[in-house]
């Protein structure tokens, strides 16, 4: 799926989930408006094929995926929860 410019998407980076705006579209991928900002650790390019795996238009699907990824990696961490730290940021803790 190819998102529209300016659309807010939910992006998974390591064990965090963040809302970002689509800034530029390429042939096979896009970047968000925080791309290459030195203070942003999750600045990266997202392939269109990663839709519903690394980037999402649905917060509910993004939450489900990040928790599934975490449980696959750490199956015995029964206390892991997705904690909201703002309107547009979540982290597993």
PDB file of N, CA and C in Angstrom:
ATOM      1  N   UNK A   1       0.845  -1.181   0.000  1.00  0.00           N
ATOM      2  CA  UNK A   1       0.000   0.000   0.000  1.00  0.00           C
ATOM      3  C   UNK A   1       0.892   1.246   0.000  1.00  0.00           C
ATOM      4  N   UNK A   2       0.485   2.234  -0.730  1.00  0.00           N
ATOM      5  CA  UNK A   2       1.216   3.493  -0.807  1.00  0.00           C
ATOM      6  C   UNK A   2       0.385   4.561  -0.101  1.00  0.00           C
ATOM      7  N   UNK A   3       0.893   5.115   1.007  1.00  0.00           N
ATOM      8  CA  UNK A   3       0.121   6.126   1.736  1.00  0.00           C
ATOM      9  C   UNK A   3       0.158   7.469   1.002  1.00  0.00           C
ATOM     10  N   UNK A   4      -0.748   8.341   1.356  1.00  0.00           N
ATOM     11  CA  UNK A   4      -0.772   9.678   0.761  1.00  0.00           C
ATOM     12  C   UNK A   4       0.142  10.612   1.550  1.00  0.00           C
ATOM     13  N   UNK A   5       0.673  11.607   0.863  1.00  0.00           N
ATOM     14  CA  UNK A   5       1.497  12.615   1.528  1.00  0.00           C
ATOM     15  C   UNK A   5       0.706  13.281   2.639  1.00  0.00           C
ATOM     16  N   UNK A   6       1.356  13.491   3.764  1.00  0.00           N
ATOM     17  CA  UNK A   6       0.714  14.141   4.903  1.00  0.00           C
ATOM     18  C   UNK A   6      -0.105  13.232   5.781  1.00  0.00           C
ATOM     19  N   UNK A   7      -0.324  12.000   5.370  1.00  0.00           N
ATOM     20  CA  UNK A   7      -1.114  11.057   6.167  1.00  0.00           C
ATOM     21  C   UNK A   7      -0.339  10.643   7.410  1.00  0.00           C
ATOM     22  N   UNK A   8      -1.036  10.501   8.503  1.00  0.00           N
ATOM     23  CA  UNK A   8      -0.421   9.994   9.722  1.00  0.00           C
ATOM     24  C   UNK A   8      -0.429   8.475   9.670  1.00  0.00           C
ATOM     25  N   UNK A   9       0.726   7.895   9.919  1.00  0.00           N
ATOM     26  CA  UNK A   9       0.860   6.440   9.969  1.00  0.00           C
ATOM     27  C   UNK A   9       1.506   6.069  11.297  1.00  0.00           C
ATOM     28  N   UNK A  10       1.265   4.858  11.740  1.00  0.00           N
ATOM     29  CA  UNK A  10       1.864   4.340  12.975  1.00  0.00           C
ATOM     30  C   UNK A  10       3.036   3.458  12.585  1.00  0.00           C
ATOM     31  N   UNK A  11       4.207   3.755  13.140  1.00  0.00           N
ATOM     32  CA  UNK A  11       5.429   3.052  12.777  1.00  0.00           C
ATOM     33  C   UNK A  11       6.026   2.337  13.985  1.00  0.00           C
ATOM     34  N   UNK A  12       6.441   1.099  13.756  1.00  0.00           N
ATOM     35  CA  UNK A  12       7.109   0.320  14.790  1.00  0.00           C
ATOM     36  C   UNK A  12       8.608   0.486  14.612  1.00  0.00           C
ATOM     37  N   UNK A  13       9.280   0.805  15.720  1.00  0.00           N
ATOM     38  CA  UNK A  13      10.730   0.859  15.747  1.00  0.00           C
ATOM     39  C   UNK A  13      11.173   0.188  17.046  1.00  0.00           C
ATOM     40  N   UNK A  14      11.883  -0.914  16.898  1.00  0.00           N
ATOM     41  CA  UNK A  14      12.287  -1.738  18.027  1.00  0.00           C
ATOM     42  C   UNK A  14      11.061  -2.055  18.868  1.00  0.00           C
ATOM     43  N   UNK A  15      10.988  -1.579  20.109  1.00  0.00           N
ATOM     44  CA  UNK A  15       9.827  -1.880  20.958  1.00  0.00           C
ATOM     45  C   UNK A  15       8.989  -0.631  21.217  1.00  0.00           C
ATOM     46  N   UNK A  16       8.991   0.295  20.264  1.00  0.00           N
ATOM     47  CA  UNK A  16       8.158   1.487  20.391  1.00  0.00           C
ATOM     48  C   UNK A  16       7.259   1.639  19.163  1.00  0.00           C
ATOM     49  N   UNK A  17       6.223   2.416  19.354  1.00  0.00           N
ATOM     50  CA  UNK A  17       5.213   2.648  18.320  1.00  0.00           C
ATOM     51  C   UNK A  17       4.932   4.147  18.314  1.00  0.00           C
ATOM     52  N   UNK A  18       5.060   4.767  17.136  1.00  0.00           N
ATOM     53  CA  UNK A  18       4.942   6.214  17.071  1.00  0.00           C
ATOM     54  C   UNK A  18       4.149   6.657  15.845  1.00  0.00           C
ATOM     55  N   UNK A  19       3.311   7.672  16.029  1.00  0.00           N
ATOM     56  CA  UNK A  19       2.590   8.271  14.914  1.00  0.00           C
ATOM     57  C   UNK A  19       3.535   9.233  14.203  1.00  0.00           C
ATOM     58  N   UNK A  20       3.594   9.121  12.889  1.00  0.00           N
ATOM     59  CA  UNK A  20       4.438   9.989  12.078  1.00  0.00           C
ATOM     60  C   UNK A  20       3.677  10.384  10.814  1.00  0.00           C
ATOM     61  N   UNK A  21       4.046  11.514  10.230  1.00  0.00           N
ATOM     62  CA  UNK A  21       3.401  11.980   9.002  1.00  0.00           C
ATOM     63  C   UNK A  21       4.265  11.624   7.795  1.00  0.00           C
ATOM     64  N   UNK A  22       3.609  11.156   6.733  1.00  0.00           N
ATOM     65  CA  UNK A  22       4.307  10.828   5.491  1.00  0.00           C
ATOM     66  C   UNK A  22       4.791  12.131   4.862  1.00  0.00           C
ATOM     67  N   UNK A  23       6.089  12.203   4.602  1.00  0.00           N
ATOM     68  CA  UNK A  23       6.717  13.423   4.111  1.00  0.00           C
ATOM     69  C   UNK A  23       7.044  13.345   2.613  1.00  0.00           C
ATOM     70  N   UNK A  24       7.555  12.192   2.169  1.00  0.00           N
ATOM     71  CA  UNK A  24       7.951  12.046   0.766  1.00  0.00           C
ATOM     72  C   UNK A  24       7.732  10.609   0.319  1.00  0.00           C
ATOM     73  N   UNK A  25       7.298  10.456  -0.920  1.00  0.00           N
ATOM     74  CA  UNK A  25       7.035   9.145  -1.495  1.00  0.00           C
ATOM     75  C   UNK A  25       8.082   8.816  -2.554  1.00  0.00           C
ATOM     76  N   UNK A  26       8.520   7.578  -2.547  1.00  0.00           N
ATOM     77  CA  UNK A  26       9.471   7.108  -3.550  1.00  0.00           C
ATOM     78  C   UNK A  26       8.831   6.025  -4.393  1.00  0.00           C
ATOM     79  N   UNK A  27       9.629   5.376  -5.184  1.00  0.00           N
ATOM     80  CA  UNK A  27       9.130   4.317  -6.056  1.00  0.00           C
ATOM     81  C   UNK A  27       8.652   3.101  -5.260  1.00  0.00           C
ATOM     82  N   UNK A  28       9.418   2.752  -4.205  1.00  0.00           N
ATOM     83  CA  UNK A  28       9.096   1.558  -3.410  1.00  0.00           C
ATOM     84  C   UNK A  28       8.945   1.834  -1.922  1.00  0.00           C
ATOM     85  N   UNK A  29       9.167   3.083  -1.521  1.00  0.00           N
ATOM     86  CA  UNK A  29       9.177   3.385  -0.093  1.00  0.00           C
ATOM     87  C   UNK A  29       8.832   4.845   0.153  1.00  0.00           C
ATOM     88  N   UNK A  30       8.687   5.174   1.443  1.00  0.00           N
ATOM     89  CA  UNK A  30       8.428   6.557   1.831  1.00  0.00           C
ATOM     90  C   UNK A  30       9.241   6.894   3.072  1.00  0.00           C
ATOM     91  N   UNK A  31       9.369   8.189   3.337  1.00  0.00           N
ATOM     92  CA  UNK A  31       9.992   8.655   4.566  1.00  0.00           C
ATOM     93  C   UNK A  31       8.986   9.539   5.289  1.00  0.00           C
ATOM     94  N   UNK A  32       9.204   9.671   6.587  1.00  0.00           N
ATOM     95  CA  UNK A  32       8.313  10.493   7.404  1.00  0.00           C
ATOM     96  C   UNK A  32       8.952  11.850   7.664  1.00  0.00           C
ATOM     97  N   UNK A  33       8.197  12.745   8.238  1.00  0.00           N
ATOM     98  CA  UNK A  33       8.668  14.117   8.435  1.00  0.00           C
ATOM     99  C   UNK A  33       9.800  14.237   9.441  1.00  0.00           C
ATOM    100  N   UNK A  34      10.102  13.198  10.188  1.00  0.00           N
ATOM    101  CA  UNK A  34      11.237  13.271  11.119  1.00  0.00           C
ATOM    102  C   UNK A  34      12.475  12.579  10.570  1.00  0.00           C
ATOM    103  N   UNK A  35      12.468  12.215   9.297  1.00  0.00           N
ATOM    104  CA  UNK A  35      13.594  11.506   8.697  1.00  0.00           C
ATOM    105  C   UNK A  35      14.879  12.325   8.797  1.00  0.00           C
ATOM    106  N   UNK A  36      15.914  11.706   9.289  1.00  0.00           N
ATOM    107  CA  UNK A  36      17.268  12.279   9.393  1.00  0.00           C
ATOM    108  C   UNK A  36      17.417  13.383  10.432  1.00  0.00           C
ATOM    109  N   UNK A  37      16.445  13.594  11.275  1.00  0.00           N
ATOM    110  CA  UNK A  37      16.644  14.549  12.362  1.00  0.00           C
ATOM    111  C   UNK A  37      17.557  13.878  13.376  1.00  0.00           C
ATOM    112  N   UNK A  38      18.624  14.528  13.716  1.00  0.00           N
ATOM    113  CA  UNK A  38      19.659  13.925  14.558  1.00  0.00           C
ATOM    114  C   UNK A  38      19.135  13.460  15.912  1.00  0.00           C
ATOM    115  N   UNK A  39      18.063  14.060  16.405  1.00  0.00           N
ATOM    116  CA  UNK A  39      17.559  13.702  17.727  1.00  0.00           C
ATOM    117  C   UNK A  39      16.510  12.601  17.689  1.00  0.00           C
ATOM    118  N   UNK A  40      16.161  12.129  16.528  1.00  0.00           N
ATOM    119  CA  UNK A  40      15.108  11.118  16.410  1.00  0.00           C
ATOM    120  C   UNK A  40      15.731   9.764  16.096  1.00  0.00           C
ATOM    121  N   UNK A  41      15.639   8.845  17.050  1.00  0.00           N
ATOM    122  CA  UNK A  41      16.280   7.542  16.882  1.00  0.00           C
ATOM    123  C   UNK A  41      15.577   6.655  15.857  1.00  0.00           C
ATOM    124  N   UNK A  42      14.297   6.885  15.635  1.00  0.00           N
ATOM    125  CA  UNK A  42      13.551   6.006  14.735  1.00  0.00           C
ATOM    126  C   UNK A  42      13.374   6.599  13.343  1.00  0.00           C
ATOM    127  N   UNK A  43      14.288   7.447  12.932  1.00  0.00           N
ATOM    128  CA  UNK A  43      14.282   8.016  11.605  1.00  0.00           C
ATOM    129  C   UNK A  43      14.664   6.926  10.609  1.00  0.00           C
ATOM    130  N   UNK A  44      13.727   6.532   9.773  1.00  0.00           N
ATOM    131  CA  UNK A  44      14.034   5.512   8.784  1.00  0.00           C
ATOM    132  C   UNK A  44      13.054   5.559   7.622  1.00  0.00           C
ATOM    133  N   UNK A  45      13.388   4.801   6.613  1.00  0.00           N
ATOM    134  CA  UNK A  45      12.581   4.689   5.406  1.00  0.00           C
ATOM    135  C   UNK A  45      11.680   3.466   5.573  1.00  0.00           C
ATOM    136  N   UNK A  46      10.461   3.541   5.053  1.00  0.00           N
ATOM    137  CA  UNK A  46       9.509   2.435   5.168  1.00  0.00           C
ATOM    138  C   UNK A  46       9.100   1.950   3.786  1.00  0.00           C
ATOM    139  N   UNK A  47       9.331   0.679   3.505  1.00  0.00           N
ATOM    140  CA  UNK A  47       8.899   0.094   2.239  1.00  0.00           C
ATOM    141  C   UNK A  47       7.376  -0.013   2.223  1.00  0.00           C
ATOM    142  N   UNK A  48       6.794   0.180   1.061  1.00  0.00           N
ATOM    143  CA  UNK A  48       5.340   0.018   0.935  1.00  0.00           C
ATOM    144  C   UNK A  48       4.921  -1.399   1.317  1.00  0.00           C
ATOM    145  N   UNK A  49       5.787  -2.376   1.013  1.00  0.00           N
ATOM    146  CA  UNK A  49       5.490  -3.779   1.316  1.00  0.00           C
ATOM    147  C   UNK A  49       5.441  -4.073   2.809  1.00  0.00           C
ATOM    148  N   UNK A  50       5.935  -3.166   3.620  1.00  0.00           N
ATOM    149  CA  UNK A  50       5.932  -3.367   5.064  1.00  0.00           C
ATOM    150  C   UNK A  50       4.610  -2.969   5.705  1.00  0.00           C
ATOM    151  N   UNK A  51       3.630  -2.601   4.898  1.00  0.00           N
ATOM    152  CA  UNK A  51       2.316  -2.200   5.413  1.00  0.00           C
ATOM    153  C   UNK A  51       1.717  -3.336   6.247  1.00  0.00           C
ATOM    154  N   UNK A  52       1.226  -3.003   7.411  1.00  0.00           N
ATOM    155  CA  UNK A  52       0.668  -3.940   8.397  1.00  0.00           C
ATOM    156  C   UNK A  52       1.706  -4.918   8.944  1.00  0.00           C
ATOM    157  N   UNK A  53       2.991  -4.525   8.830  1.00  0.00           N
ATOM    158  CA  UNK A  53       4.065  -5.283   9.459  1.00  0.00           C
ATOM    159  C   UNK A  53       4.990  -4.331  10.238  1.00  0.00           C
ATOM    160  N   UNK A  54       5.429  -3.234   9.632  1.00  0.00           N
ATOM    161  CA  UNK A  54       6.267  -2.227  10.282  1.00  0.00           C
ATOM    162  C   UNK A  54       5.616  -0.854  10.302  1.00  0.00           C
ATOM    163  N   UNK A  55       4.643  -0.614   9.436  1.00  0.00           N
ATOM    164  CA  UNK A  55       3.901   0.646   9.470  1.00  0.00           C
ATOM    165  C   UNK A  55       2.430   0.347   9.199  1.00  0.00           C
ATOM    166  N   UNK A  56       1.557   1.203   9.777  1.00  0.00           N
ATOM    167  CA  UNK A  56       0.122   0.921   9.799  1.00  0.00           C
ATOM    168  C   UNK A  56      -0.683   2.209   9.657  1.00  0.00           C
ATOM    169  N   UNK A  57      -1.909   2.071   9.197  1.00  0.00           N
ATOM    170  CA  UNK A  57      -2.837   3.190   9.229  1.00  0.00           C
ATOM    171  C   UNK A  57      -3.820   3.011  10.385  1.00  0.00           C
ATOM    172  N   UNK A  58      -3.817   1.843  10.993  1.00  0.00           N
ATOM    173  CA  UNK A  58      -4.692   1.526  12.114  1.00  0.00           C
ATOM    174  C   UNK A  58      -3.866   1.352  13.387  1.00  0.00           C
ATOM    175  N   UNK A  59      -4.172   2.142  14.399  1.00  0.00           N
ATOM    176  CA  UNK A  59      -3.475   2.023  15.678  1.00  0.00           C
ATOM    177  C   UNK A  59      -3.722   0.646  16.297  1.00  0.00           C
ATOM    178  N   UNK A  60      -4.929   0.148  16.212  1.00  0.00           N
ATOM    179  CA  UNK A  60      -5.254  -1.159  16.795  1.00  0.00           C
ATOM    180  C   UNK A  60      -4.402  -2.275  16.173  1.00  0.00           C
ATOM    181  N   UNK A  61      -4.234  -2.255  14.859  1.00  0.00           N
ATOM    182  CA  UNK A  61      -3.413  -3.273  14.187  1.00  0.00           C
ATOM    183  C   UNK A  61      -1.946  -3.117  14.566  1.00  0.00           C
ATOM    184  N   UNK A  62      -1.489  -1.878  14.699  1.00  0.00           N
ATOM    185  CA  UNK A  62      -0.103  -1.626  15.086  1.00  0.00           C
ATOM    186  C   UNK A  62       0.173  -2.160  16.489  1.00  0.00           C
ATOM    187  N   UNK A  63      -0.742  -1.909  17.400  1.00  0.00           N
ATOM    188  CA  UNK A  63      -0.595  -2.401  18.775  1.00  0.00           C
ATOM    189  C   UNK A  63      -0.548  -3.928  18.806  1.00  0.00           C
ATOM    190  N   UNK A  64      -1.417  -4.542  18.060  1.00  0.00           N
ATOM    191  CA  UNK A  64      -1.466  -6.003  18.015  1.00  0.00           C
ATOM    192  C   UNK A  64      -0.155  -6.576  17.465  1.00  0.00           C
ATOM    193  N   UNK A  65       0.368  -5.966  16.414  1.00  0.00           N
ATOM    194  CA  UNK A  65       1.599  -6.459  15.789  1.00  0.00           C
ATOM    195  C   UNK A  65       2.810  -6.309  16.702  1.00  0.00           C
ATOM    196  N   UNK A  66       2.959  -5.152  17.329  1.00  0.00           N
ATOM    197  CA  UNK A  66       4.140  -4.953  18.178  1.00  0.00           C
ATOM    198  C   UNK A  66       4.110  -5.905  19.374  1.00  0.00           C
ATOM    199  N   UNK A  67       2.945  -6.148  19.930  1.00  0.00           N
ATOM    200  CA  UNK A  67       2.855  -7.090  21.050  1.00  0.00           C
ATOM    201  C   UNK A  67       3.121  -8.518  20.586  1.00  0.00           C
ATOM    202  N   UNK A  68       2.651  -8.878  19.395  1.00  0.00           N
ATOM    203  CA  UNK A  68       2.925 -10.216  18.860  1.00  0.00           C
ATOM    204  C   UNK A  68       4.422 -10.397  18.610  1.00  0.00           C
ATOM    205  N   UNK A  69       5.058  -9.384  18.029  1.00  0.00           N
ATOM    206  CA  UNK A  69       6.503  -9.444  17.806  1.00  0.00           C
ATOM    207  C   UNK A  69       7.251  -9.628  19.123  1.00  0.00           C
ATOM    208  N   UNK A  70       6.840  -8.873  20.139  1.00  0.00           N
ATOM    209  CA  UNK A  70       7.497  -8.950  21.442  1.00  0.00           C
ATOM    210  C   UNK A  70       7.302 -10.331  22.067  1.00  0.00           C
ATOM    211  N   UNK A  71       6.101 -10.847  22.006  1.00  0.00           N
ATOM    212  CA  UNK A  71       5.830 -12.177  22.589  1.00  0.00           C
ATOM    213  C   UNK A  71       6.582 -13.280  21.845  1.00  0.00           C
ATOM    214  N   UNK A  72       6.750 -13.110  20.533  1.00  0.00           N
ATOM    215  CA  UNK A  72       7.533 -14.084  19.766  1.00  0.00           C
ATOM    216  C   UNK A  72       8.998 -14.059  20.198  1.00  0.00           C
ATOM    217  N   UNK A  73       9.510 -12.889  20.524  1.00  0.00           N
ATOM    218  CA  UNK A  73      10.912 -12.734  20.912  1.00  0.00           C
ATOM    219  C   UNK A  73      11.139 -13.093  22.384  1.00  0.00           C
ATOM    220  N   UNK A  74      10.188 -12.735  23.234  1.00  0.00           N
ATOM    221  CA  UNK A  74      10.309 -12.959  24.681  1.00  0.00           C
ATOM    222  C   UNK A  74       9.052 -13.662  25.207  1.00  0.00           C
ATOM    223  N   UNK A  75       8.897 -14.945  24.906  1.00  0.00           N
ATOM    224  CA  UNK A  75       7.641 -15.644  25.253  1.00  0.00           C
ATOM    225  C   UNK A  75       7.378 -15.784  26.756  1.00  0.00           C
ATOM    226  N   UNK A  76       8.394 -15.618  27.603  1.00  0.00           N
ATOM    227  CA  UNK A  76       8.197 -15.804  29.034  1.00  0.00           C
ATOM    228  C   UNK A  76       8.070 -14.493  29.811  1.00  0.00           C
ATOM    229  N   UNK A  77       8.011 -13.383  29.107  1.00  0.00           N
ATOM    230  CA  UNK A  77       7.831 -12.085  29.758  1.00  0.00           C
ATOM    231  C   UNK A  77       6.330 -11.815  29.851  1.00  0.00           C
ATOM    232  N   UNK A  78       5.727 -12.365  30.876  1.00  0.00           N
ATOM    233  CA  UNK A  78       4.272 -12.288  31.042  1.00  0.00           C
ATOM    234  C   UNK A  78       3.782 -10.902  31.466  1.00  0.00           C
ATOM    235  N   UNK A  79       4.673 -10.060  31.961  1.00  0.00           N
ATOM    236  CA  UNK A  79       4.277  -8.750  32.468  1.00  0.00           C
ATOM    237  C   UNK A  79       4.394  -7.624  31.445  1.00  0.00           C
ATOM    238  N   UNK A  80       4.827  -7.946  30.231  1.00  0.00           N
ATOM    239  CA  UNK A  80       5.020  -6.907  29.216  1.00  0.00           C
ATOM    240  C   UNK A  80       3.687  -6.254  28.849  1.00  0.00           C
ATOM    241  N   UNK A  81       3.727  -4.924  28.810  1.00  0.00           N
ATOM    242  CA  UNK A  81       2.535  -4.155  28.442  1.00  0.00           C
ATOM    243  C   UNK A  81       2.956  -3.037  27.511  1.00  0.00           C
ATOM    244  N   UNK A  82       2.039  -2.600  26.689  1.00  0.00           N
ATOM    245  CA  UNK A  82       2.267  -1.455  25.833  1.00  0.00           C
ATOM    246  C   UNK A  82       1.787  -0.223  26.590  1.00  0.00           C
ATOM    247  N   UNK A  83       2.730   0.651  26.914  1.00  0.00           N
ATOM    248  CA  UNK A  83       2.441   1.818  27.752  1.00  0.00           C
ATOM    249  C   UNK A  83       2.400   3.071  26.878  1.00  0.00           C
ATOM    250  N   UNK A  84       1.359   3.861  27.058  1.00  0.00           N
ATOM    251  CA  UNK A  84       1.200   5.096  26.300  1.00  0.00           C
ATOM    252  C   UNK A  84       1.924   6.233  27.022  1.00  0.00           C
ATOM    253  N   UNK A  85       2.812   6.924  26.288  1.00  0.00           N
ATOM    254  CA  UNK A  85       3.573   8.031  26.854  1.00  0.00           C
ATOM    255  C   UNK A  85       3.182   9.377  26.247  1.00  0.00           C
ATOM    256  N   UNK A  86       2.153   9.411  25.479  1.00  0.00           N
ATOM    257  CA  UNK A  86       1.671  10.634  24.835  1.00  0.00           C
ATOM    258  C   UNK A  86       0.598  10.252  23.840  1.00  0.00           C
ATOM    259  N   UNK A  87       0.048  11.235  23.184  1.00  0.00           N
ATOM    260  CA  UNK A  87      -1.007  10.955  22.205  1.00  0.00           C
ATOM    261  C   UNK A  87      -0.506  10.135  21.027  1.00  0.00           C
ATOM    262  N   UNK A  88       0.794  10.243  20.749  1.00  0.00           N
ATOM    263  CA  UNK A  88       1.329   9.609  19.544  1.00  0.00           C
ATOM    264  C   UNK A  88       2.531   8.704  19.790  1.00  0.00           C
ATOM    265  N   UNK A  89       2.708   8.223  21.033  1.00  0.00           N
ATOM    266  CA  UNK A  89       3.867   7.390  21.319  1.00  0.00           C
ATOM    267  C   UNK A  89       3.547   6.318  22.356  1.00  0.00           C
ATOM    268  N   UNK A  90       3.948   5.075  22.066  1.00  0.00           N
ATOM    269  CA  UNK A  90       3.775   3.940  22.957  1.00  0.00           C
ATOM    270  C   UNK A  90       5.104   3.186  23.020  1.00  0.00           C
ATOM    271  N   UNK A  91       5.311   2.486  24.137  1.00  0.00           N
ATOM    272  CA  UNK A  91       6.525   1.703  24.297  1.00  0.00           C
ATOM    273  C   UNK A  91       6.222   0.484  25.155  1.00  0.00           C
ATOM    274  N   UNK A  92       6.846  -0.624  24.845  1.00  0.00           N
ATOM    275  CA  UNK A  92       6.668  -1.834  25.651  1.00  0.00           C
ATOM    276  C   UNK A  92       7.512  -1.699  26.903  1.00  0.00           C
ATOM    277  N   UNK A  93       6.868  -1.939  28.030  1.00  0.00           N
ATOM    278  CA  UNK A  93       7.572  -1.838  29.309  1.00  0.00           C
ATOM    279  C   UNK A  93       7.159  -2.919  30.250  1.00  0.00           C
TER     280      UNK A  93
END
